Amino acid sequence: MKFIDLSVNREEMFSMGIEALSGQHYVSFPVSLGVVDYEEFYAIDRATFERFEQDLPAALALVTRARRLLIIQPGSHRGSAI
């Protein structure tokens, strides 16, 4: 997978872009595990991506929810959203 960030919000610490091989749009944010930091990626459709480009509060609302809620609960060493 090759993630290409098309929009980066440094203040709120998230980015949006497209995965080059599949064409899937995404929103991502950093997570800290203590010993290692990584990014989590969440799939969004093209219409949502285009709306988020124009509506930062809507994008931030999704990122905030994603930071708090998970469909599959993490293992004990998953880390926490930054």
Protein backbone atom coordinates (compact mmCIF):
# COMPACT_ATOMS: atom_id res chain seq x y z
CA MET A 1 0.00 0.00 0.00
CA LYS A 2 1.16 3.50 -0.82
CA PHE A 3 -0.62 6.28 1.04
CA ILE A 4 -0.41 9.73 -0.52
CA ASP A 5 -1.41 12.60 1.77
CA LEU A 6 -3.29 15.27 -0.18
CA SER A 7 -4.27 17.39 2.81
CA VAL A 8 -2.43 17.66 6.13
CA ASN A 9 -3.77 19.48 9.17
CA ARG A 10 -0.80 19.90 11.50
CA GLU A 11 -2.76 21.76 14.17
CA GLU A 12 -5.35 18.99 14.62
CA MET A 13 -2.86 16.23 13.71
CA PHE A 14 -4.64 14.40 10.89
CA SER A 15 -4.33 13.97 7.15
CA MET A 16 -6.49 12.96 4.21
CA GLY A 17 -5.42 11.39 0.98
CA ILE A 18 -5.63 8.49 -1.42
CA GLU A 19 -4.09 5.04 -1.41
CA ALA A 20 -2.29 4.88 -4.77
CA LEU A 21 -2.86 1.22 -5.69
CA SER A 22 -6.57 0.94 -4.84
CA GLY A 23 -7.69 4.54 -5.27
CA GLN A 24 -9.31 4.38 -1.81
CA HIS A 25 -9.61 7.76 -0.06
CA TYR A 26 -8.71 7.88 3.62
CA VAL A 27 -8.34 9.95 6.73
CA SER A 28 -5.47 9.16 9.10
CA PHE A 29 -4.03 10.29 12.40
CA PRO A 30 -0.99 9.40 14.50
CA VAL A 31 -1.14 6.98 17.42
CA SER A 32 1.51 6.58 20.10
CA LEU A 33 2.25 3.18 21.63
CA GLY A 34 4.92 4.60 23.90
CA VAL A 35 7.85 2.80 22.29
CA VAL A 36 6.66 3.42 18.73
CA ASP A 37 4.40 5.87 16.90
CA TYR A 38 2.33 4.93 13.85
CA GLU A 39 -0.64 6.11 11.78
CA GLU A 40 -4.13 4.64 11.69
CA PHE A 41 -5.98 4.88 8.38
CA TYR A 42 -9.77 4.99 7.96
CA ALA A 43 -11.46 4.52 4.57
CA ILE A 44 -13.80 7.26 3.36
CA ASP A 45 -15.57 7.53 0.03
CA ARG A 46 -14.72 10.15 -2.59
CA ALA A 47 -17.77 12.31 -1.84
CA THR A 48 -16.84 12.43 1.85
CA PHE A 49 -13.24 13.27 0.97
CA GLU A 50 -14.40 16.15 -1.26
CA ARG A 51 -16.78 17.43 1.44
CA PHE A 52 -14.05 17.27 4.08
CA GLU A 53 -11.71 19.29 1.84
CA GLN A 54 -14.26 22.12 2.00
CA ASP A 55 -15.54 21.53 5.55
CA LEU A 56 -12.74 21.18 8.11
CA PRO A 57 -15.10 20.97 11.12
CA ALA A 58 -16.83 17.94 9.56
CA ALA A 59 -13.47 16.26 8.94
CA LEU A 60 -12.34 17.02 12.48
CA ALA A 61 -15.59 15.58 13.87
CA LEU A 62 -14.90 12.26 12.12
CA VAL A 63 -11.30 12.21 13.34
CA THR A 64 -12.41 12.95 16.89
CA ARG A 65 -14.99 10.13 16.80
CA ALA A 66 -12.45 7.72 15.29
CA ARG A 67 -9.99 8.55 18.04
CA ARG A 68 -12.60 7.59 20.64
CA LEU A 69 -14.52 4.73 19.04
CA LEU A 70 -13.45 1.42 17.54
CA ILE A 71 -15.45 -1.34 15.90
CA ILE A 72 -12.92 -3.98 16.95
CA GLN A 73 -11.55 -3.42 20.43
CA PRO A 74 -7.76 -3.17 20.62
CA GLY A 75 -5.40 -5.54 22.32
CA SER A 76 -3.71 -4.42 25.50
CA HIS A 77 -0.74 -2.94 23.60
CA ARG A 78 -2.57 -1.04 20.84
CA GLY A 79 -1.62 2.43 22.00
CA SER A 80 -3.62 5.62 22.20
CA ALA A 81 -4.49 8.33 19.70
CA ILE A 82 -2.31 11.41 19.88
